[in-house]
């Protein structure tokens, strides 16, 4: 008979502890907020395929992370709405589609003909530290389908400073860093 009160007590403890934790919130980098042009592209519009961005394994999750020295602090209440590599790819794709309205900029190169240009992006560092300093280091290559055209390679380091005391601020700083990268990419419109 003593088992029933212990079971009920354990159940109540587990139930109440679930109520005490903060609600889990999901964040995106905001690609849907970018307006899209509804005009139709010509049939011969250059196709630029953007491969999913490569990130270090510890970052390519849904966890929101802040660095404190060599320690990574995972948010208890915030998550990315998708893997971070997918969110970054979507934001860059939307930004470039707006910057290059005469091109079909897509992540879905498998469903169309061979793209005229492929964009490959490697992010080697994306850190927000506990002091609010954010850094993104990346290299990228525009790879033309025509082997007679050169591969355009470049790299950049982008930084931002701001608060990281909330998950929303973490998302804002990350978005800012990715937008800096996207703006830099948009300065180099590749020729097919």
C-alpha atoms as a PDB file:
ATOM      1  CA  UNK A   1       0.000   0.000   0.000  1.00  0.00           C
ATOM      2  CA  UNK A   2       2.930   2.322   0.548  1.00  0.00           C
ATOM      3  CA  UNK A   3       3.844   2.123  -3.174  1.00  0.00           C
ATOM      4  CA  UNK A   4       0.759   4.081  -4.295  1.00  0.00           C
ATOM      5  CA  UNK A   5       1.544   7.274  -2.305  1.00  0.00           C
ATOM      6  CA  UNK A   6       5.166   7.192  -3.516  1.00  0.00           C
ATOM      7  CA  UNK A   7       4.028   6.771  -7.122  1.00  0.00           C
ATOM      8  CA  UNK A   8       1.546   9.632  -6.814  1.00  0.00           C
ATOM      9  CA  UNK A   9       4.213  11.840  -5.196  1.00  0.00           C
ATOM     10  CA  UNK A  10       6.715  11.083  -7.954  1.00  0.00           C
ATOM     11  CA  UNK A  11       4.098  11.799 -10.631  1.00  0.00           C
ATOM     12  CA  UNK A  12       3.194  15.140  -9.011  1.00  0.00           C
ATOM     13  CA  UNK A  13       6.859  16.115  -8.741  1.00  0.00           C
ATOM     14  CA  UNK A  14       7.493  15.380 -12.429  1.00  0.00           C
ATOM     15  CA  UNK A  15       4.307  17.190 -13.460  1.00  0.00           C
ATOM     16  CA  UNK A  16       5.085  20.297 -11.423  1.00  0.00           C
ATOM     17  CA  UNK A  17       8.708  20.469 -12.542  1.00  0.00           C
ATOM     18  CA  UNK A  18       7.513  20.602 -16.162  1.00  0.00           C
ATOM     19  CA  UNK A  19       5.431  23.663 -15.322  1.00  0.00           C
ATOM     20  CA  UNK A  20       8.427  25.447 -13.812  1.00  0.00           C
ATOM     21  CA  UNK A  21      10.621  25.390 -16.925  1.00  0.00           C
ATOM     22  CA  UNK A  22      10.395  28.274 -19.400  1.00  0.00           C
ATOM     23  CA  UNK A  23       8.456  27.614 -22.604  1.00  0.00           C
ATOM     24  CA  UNK A  24      10.525  26.506 -25.575  1.00  0.00           C
ATOM     25  CA  UNK A  25      10.612  29.128 -28.345  1.00  0.00           C
ATOM     26  CA  UNK A  26      11.712  28.637 -31.938  1.00  0.00           C
ATOM     27  CA  UNK A  27      13.522  31.263 -34.009  1.00  0.00           C
ATOM     28  CA  UNK A  28      14.329  31.751 -37.678  1.00  0.00           C
ATOM     29  CA  UNK A  29      16.766  34.043 -39.404  1.00  0.00           C
ATOM     30  CA  UNK A  30      13.877  35.807 -41.088  1.00  0.00           C
ATOM     31  CA  UNK A  31      14.077  34.862 -44.772  1.00  0.00           C
ATOM     32  CA  UNK A  32      10.265  35.066 -45.263  1.00  0.00           C
ATOM     33  CA  UNK A  33      10.340  38.770 -44.322  1.00  0.00           C
ATOM     34  CA  UNK A  34      12.182  39.547 -47.570  1.00  0.00           C
ATOM     35  CA  UNK A  35       9.708  40.485 -50.285  1.00  0.00           C
ATOM     36  CA  UNK A  36       9.800  38.519 -53.495  1.00  0.00           C
ATOM     37  CA  UNK A  37       9.312  39.892 -56.986  1.00  0.00           C
ATOM     38  CA  UNK A  38       6.323  38.289 -58.687  1.00  0.00           C
ATOM     39  CA  UNK A  39       7.596  38.986 -62.210  1.00  0.00           C
ATOM     40  CA  UNK A  40       8.252  36.053 -64.505  1.00  0.00           C
ATOM     41  CA  UNK A  41      11.810  35.290 -65.482  1.00  0.00           C
ATOM     42  CA  UNK A  42      12.653  34.666 -69.129  1.00  0.00           C
ATOM     43  CA  UNK A  43      13.230  31.061 -70.148  1.00  0.00           C
ATOM     44  CA  UNK A  44      16.938  31.759 -70.650  1.00  0.00           C
ATOM     45  CA  UNK A  45      17.481  33.376 -67.220  1.00  0.00           C
ATOM     46  CA  UNK A  46      20.756  32.242 -65.661  1.00  0.00           C
ATOM     47  CA  UNK A  47      20.279  29.649 -62.924  1.00  0.00           C
ATOM     48  CA  UNK A  48      22.369  30.050 -59.781  1.00  0.00           C
ATOM     49  CA  UNK A  49      22.171  27.058 -57.455  1.00  0.00           C
ATOM     50  CA  UNK A  50      23.150  27.592 -53.850  1.00  0.00           C
ATOM     51  CA  UNK A  51      24.391  24.507 -52.042  1.00  0.00           C
ATOM     52  CA  UNK A  52      23.508  24.122 -48.375  1.00  0.00           C
ATOM     53  CA  UNK A  53      26.000  26.137 -46.346  1.00  0.00           C
ATOM     54  CA  UNK A  54      28.686  24.072 -44.611  1.00  0.00           C
ATOM     55  CA  UNK A  55      29.070  24.731 -40.868  1.00  0.00           C
ATOM     56  CA  UNK A  56      31.206  23.164 -38.149  1.00  0.00           C
ATOM     57  CA  UNK A  57      29.359  20.129 -36.749  1.00  0.00           C
ATOM     58  CA  UNK A  58      28.865  21.596 -33.284  1.00  0.00           C
ATOM     59  CA  UNK A  59      26.932  24.519 -34.818  1.00  0.00           C
ATOM     60  CA  UNK A  60      24.841  22.672 -37.380  1.00  0.00           C
ATOM     61  CA  UNK A  61      22.015  21.838 -35.006  1.00  0.00           C
ATOM     62  CA  UNK A  62      18.846  23.527 -33.810  1.00  0.00           C
ATOM     63  CA  UNK A  63      20.563  24.580 -30.573  1.00  0.00           C
ATOM     64  CA  UNK A  64      21.158  28.280 -29.992  1.00  0.00           C
ATOM     65  CA  UNK A  65      24.707  28.575 -28.666  1.00  0.00           C
ATOM     66  CA  UNK A  66      26.736  31.311 -26.975  1.00  0.00           C
ATOM     67  CA  UNK A  67      30.478  30.868 -26.428  1.00  0.00           C
ATOM     68  CA  UNK A  68      32.075  31.622 -23.072  1.00  0.00           C
ATOM     69  CA  UNK A  69      35.807  31.126 -23.637  1.00  0.00           C
ATOM     70  CA  UNK A  70      36.189  27.511 -24.704  1.00  0.00           C
ATOM     71  CA  UNK A  71      32.801  26.551 -23.265  1.00  0.00           C
ATOM     72  CA  UNK A  72      29.641  26.452 -25.380  1.00  0.00           C
ATOM     73  CA  UNK A  73      26.430  27.410 -23.576  1.00  0.00           C
ATOM     74  CA  UNK A  74      23.264  25.969 -25.079  1.00  0.00           C
ATOM     75  CA  UNK A  75      20.053  27.926 -24.570  1.00  0.00           C
ATOM     76  CA  UNK A  76      17.533  26.205 -22.319  1.00  0.00           C
ATOM     77  CA  UNK A  77      14.546  27.962 -23.874  1.00  0.00           C
ATOM     78  CA  UNK A  78      15.410  28.765 -27.499  1.00  0.00           C
ATOM     79  CA  UNK A  79      15.960  26.664 -30.604  1.00  0.00           C
ATOM     80  CA  UNK A  80      16.364  27.409 -34.285  1.00  0.00           C
ATOM     81  CA  UNK A  81      13.302  26.454 -36.327  1.00  0.00           C
ATOM     82  CA  UNK A  82      15.526  24.268 -38.536  1.00  0.00           C
ATOM     83  CA  UNK A  83      19.155  23.214 -38.628  1.00  0.00           C
ATOM     84  CA  UNK A  84      21.240  26.380 -38.626  1.00  0.00           C
ATOM     85  CA  UNK A  85      22.832  25.516 -41.997  1.00  0.00           C
ATOM     86  CA  UNK A  86      19.373  25.400 -43.595  1.00  0.00           C
ATOM     87  CA  UNK A  87      18.303  28.706 -42.042  1.00  0.00           C
ATOM     88  CA  UNK A  88      21.493  30.421 -43.219  1.00  0.00           C
ATOM     89  CA  UNK A  89      21.123  28.964 -46.725  1.00  0.00           C
ATOM     90  CA  UNK A  90      17.502  30.151 -46.931  1.00  0.00           C
ATOM     91  CA  UNK A  91      18.378  33.690 -45.822  1.00  0.00           C
ATOM     92  CA  UNK A  92      21.296  33.979 -48.260  1.00  0.00           C
ATOM     93  CA  UNK A  93      19.164  32.581 -51.102  1.00  0.00           C
ATOM     94  CA  UNK A  94      16.380  35.101 -50.432  1.00  0.00           C
ATOM     95  CA  UNK A  95      18.872  37.971 -50.225  1.00  0.00           C
ATOM     96  CA  UNK A  96      20.611  37.018 -53.482  1.00  0.00           C
ATOM     97  CA  UNK A  97      17.315  36.451 -55.311  1.00  0.00           C
ATOM     98  CA  UNK A  98      16.346  40.011 -54.419  1.00  0.00           C
ATOM     99  CA  UNK A  99      19.797  41.369 -55.356  1.00  0.00           C
ATOM    100  CA  UNK A 100      19.906  39.529 -58.698  1.00  0.00           C
ATOM    101  CA  UNK A 101      16.326  39.811 -60.059  1.00  0.00           C
ATOM    102  CA  UNK A 102      17.338  38.692 -63.576  1.00  0.00           C
ATOM    103  CA  UNK A 103      18.616  35.325 -62.291  1.00  0.00           C
ATOM    104  CA  UNK A 104      16.839  32.276 -60.950  1.00  0.00           C
ATOM    105  CA  UNK A 105      18.501  31.840 -57.556  1.00  0.00           C
ATOM    106  CA  UNK A 106      17.544  28.515 -56.033  1.00  0.00           C
ATOM    107  CA  UNK A 107      18.517  25.803 -53.593  1.00  0.00           C
ATOM    108  CA  UNK A 108      16.590  23.213 -55.608  1.00  0.00           C
ATOM    109  CA  UNK A 109      19.055  22.554 -58.427  1.00  0.00           C
ATOM    110  CA  UNK A 110      18.060  18.879 -58.636  1.00  0.00           C
ATOM    111  CA  UNK A 111      14.621  19.765 -59.993  1.00  0.00           C
ATOM    112  CA  UNK A 112      15.855  21.916 -62.877  1.00  0.00           C
ATOM    113  CA  UNK A 113      18.458  21.740 -65.593  1.00  0.00           C
ATOM    114  CA  UNK A 114      22.126  21.911 -64.718  1.00  0.00           C
ATOM    115  CA  UNK A 115      22.708  25.296 -63.081  1.00  0.00           C
ATOM    116  CA  UNK A 116      24.790  27.898 -64.870  1.00  0.00           C
ATOM    117  CA  UNK A 117      26.637  28.674 -61.644  1.00  0.00           C
ATOM    118  CA  UNK A 118      26.889  26.895 -58.288  1.00  0.00           C
ATOM    119  CA  UNK A 119      27.623  28.834 -55.126  1.00  0.00           C
ATOM    120  CA  UNK A 120      29.414  26.876 -52.398  1.00  0.00           C
ATOM    121  CA  UNK A 121      29.796  28.530 -48.974  1.00  0.00           C
ATOM    122  CA  UNK A 122      31.878  27.253 -46.053  1.00  0.00           C
ATOM    123  CA  UNK A 123      31.424  28.998 -42.726  1.00  0.00           C
ATOM    124  CA  UNK A 124      34.441  28.100 -40.637  1.00  0.00           C
ATOM    125  CA  UNK A 125      33.493  30.187 -37.612  1.00  0.00           C
ATOM    126  CA  UNK A 126      30.211  31.592 -36.328  1.00  0.00           C
ATOM    127  CA  UNK A 127      30.554  32.640 -32.720  1.00  0.00           C
ATOM    128  CA  UNK A 128      28.573  34.852 -30.410  1.00  0.00           C
ATOM    129  CA  UNK A 129      30.401  35.250 -27.137  1.00  0.00           C
ATOM    130  CA  UNK A 130      28.958  36.046 -23.736  1.00  0.00           C
ATOM    131  CA  UNK A 131      30.243  39.644 -24.059  1.00  0.00           C
ATOM    132  CA  UNK A 132      28.110  40.219 -27.174  1.00  0.00           C
ATOM    133  CA  UNK A 133      30.871  40.017 -29.785  1.00  0.00           C
ATOM    134  CA  UNK A 134      29.812  38.087 -32.878  1.00  0.00           C
ATOM    135  CA  UNK A 135      32.163  36.842 -35.595  1.00  0.00           C
ATOM    136  CA  UNK A 136      31.510  34.989 -38.831  1.00  0.00           C
ATOM    137  CA  UNK A 137      34.377  33.729 -40.998  1.00  0.00           C
ATOM    138  CA  UNK A 138      33.592  32.213 -44.373  1.00  0.00           C
ATOM    139  CA  UNK A 139      35.009  31.317 -47.739  1.00  0.00           C
ATOM    140  CA  UNK A 140      32.987  30.777 -50.872  1.00  0.00           C
ATOM    141  CA  UNK A 141      33.277  29.896 -54.538  1.00  0.00           C
ATOM    142  CA  UNK A 142      31.126  30.646 -57.568  1.00  0.00           C
ATOM    143  CA  UNK A 143      31.635  27.596 -59.781  1.00  0.00           C
ATOM    144  CA  UNK A 144      30.501  28.121 -63.399  1.00  0.00           C
ATOM    145  CA  UNK A 145      29.147  25.264 -65.470  1.00  0.00           C
ATOM    146  CA  UNK A 146      31.404  26.350 -68.329  1.00  0.00           C
ATOM    147  CA  UNK A 147      34.888  25.127 -67.439  1.00  0.00           C
ATOM    148  CA  UNK A 148      36.380  27.891 -69.608  1.00  0.00           C
ATOM    149  CA  UNK A 149      35.201  30.488 -67.083  1.00  0.00           C
ATOM    150  CA  UNK A 150      37.224  30.924 -63.896  1.00  0.00           C
ATOM    151  CA  UNK A 151      35.991  29.840 -60.486  1.00  0.00           C
ATOM    152  CA  UNK A 152      35.526  32.983 -58.389  1.00  0.00           C
ATOM    153  CA  UNK A 153      36.810  32.395 -54.854  1.00  0.00           C
ATOM    154  CA  UNK A 154      36.791  34.732 -51.916  1.00  0.00           C
ATOM    155  CA  UNK A 155      36.630  34.866 -48.147  1.00  0.00           C
ATOM    156  CA  UNK A 156      35.594  37.312 -45.503  1.00  0.00           C
ATOM    157  CA  UNK A 157      35.386  38.013 -41.812  1.00  0.00           C
ATOM    158  CA  UNK A 158      32.313  39.776 -40.479  1.00  0.00           C
ATOM    159  CA  UNK A 159      31.667  41.052 -36.990  1.00  0.00           C
ATOM    160  CA  UNK A 160      28.945  42.620 -34.917  1.00  0.00           C
ATOM    161  CA  UNK A 161      28.529  43.671 -31.308  1.00  0.00           C
ATOM    162  CA  UNK A 162      25.336  43.639 -29.284  1.00  0.00           C
ATOM    163  CA  UNK A 163      23.507  42.085 -26.385  1.00  0.00           C
ATOM    164  CA  UNK A 164      23.125  38.302 -26.083  1.00  0.00           C
ATOM    165  CA  UNK A 165      21.133  38.160 -22.865  1.00  0.00           C
ATOM    166  CA  UNK A 166      18.084  36.707 -24.641  1.00  0.00           C
ATOM    167  CA  UNK A 167      17.493  34.210 -27.423  1.00  0.00           C
ATOM    168  CA  UNK A 168      15.876  36.956 -29.525  1.00  0.00           C
ATOM    169  CA  UNK A 169      19.067  39.029 -29.265  1.00  0.00           C
ATOM    170  CA  UNK A 170      21.117  35.940 -30.200  1.00  0.00           C
ATOM    171  CA  UNK A 171      18.914  35.467 -33.291  1.00  0.00           C
ATOM    172  CA  UNK A 172      19.219  39.167 -34.214  1.00  0.00           C
ATOM    173  CA  UNK A 173      23.027  39.133 -34.023  1.00  0.00           C
ATOM    174  CA  UNK A 174      23.252  35.893 -35.991  1.00  0.00           C
ATOM    175  CA  UNK A 175      20.906  37.342 -38.646  1.00  0.00           C
ATOM    176  CA  UNK A 176      23.057  40.481 -38.836  1.00  0.00           C
ATOM    177  CA  UNK A 177      26.218  38.429 -39.431  1.00  0.00           C
ATOM    178  CA  UNK A 178      24.571  36.319 -42.147  1.00  0.00           C
ATOM    179  CA  UNK A 179      23.171  39.439 -43.837  1.00  0.00           C
ATOM    180  CA  UNK A 180      26.672  40.936 -43.916  1.00  0.00           C
ATOM    181  CA  UNK A 181      27.882  37.781 -45.673  1.00  0.00           C
ATOM    182  CA  UNK A 182      24.917  37.848 -48.089  1.00  0.00           C
ATOM    183  CA  UNK A 183      25.575  41.512 -48.939  1.00  0.00           C
ATOM    184  CA  UNK A 184      29.197  40.706 -49.695  1.00  0.00           C
ATOM    185  CA  UNK A 185      28.171  37.774 -51.899  1.00  0.00           C
ATOM    186  CA  UNK A 186      25.707  40.015 -53.765  1.00  0.00           C
ATOM    187  CA  UNK A 187      28.560  42.328 -54.787  1.00  0.00           C
ATOM    188  CA  UNK A 188      29.928  39.559 -57.022  1.00  0.00           C
ATOM    189  CA  UNK A 189      27.283  38.639 -59.550  1.00  0.00           C
ATOM    190  CA  UNK A 190      28.768  35.677 -61.387  1.00  0.00           C
ATOM    191  CA  UNK A 191      28.576  35.363 -65.141  1.00  0.00           C
ATOM    192  CA  UNK A 192      27.444  31.986 -66.474  1.00  0.00           C
END
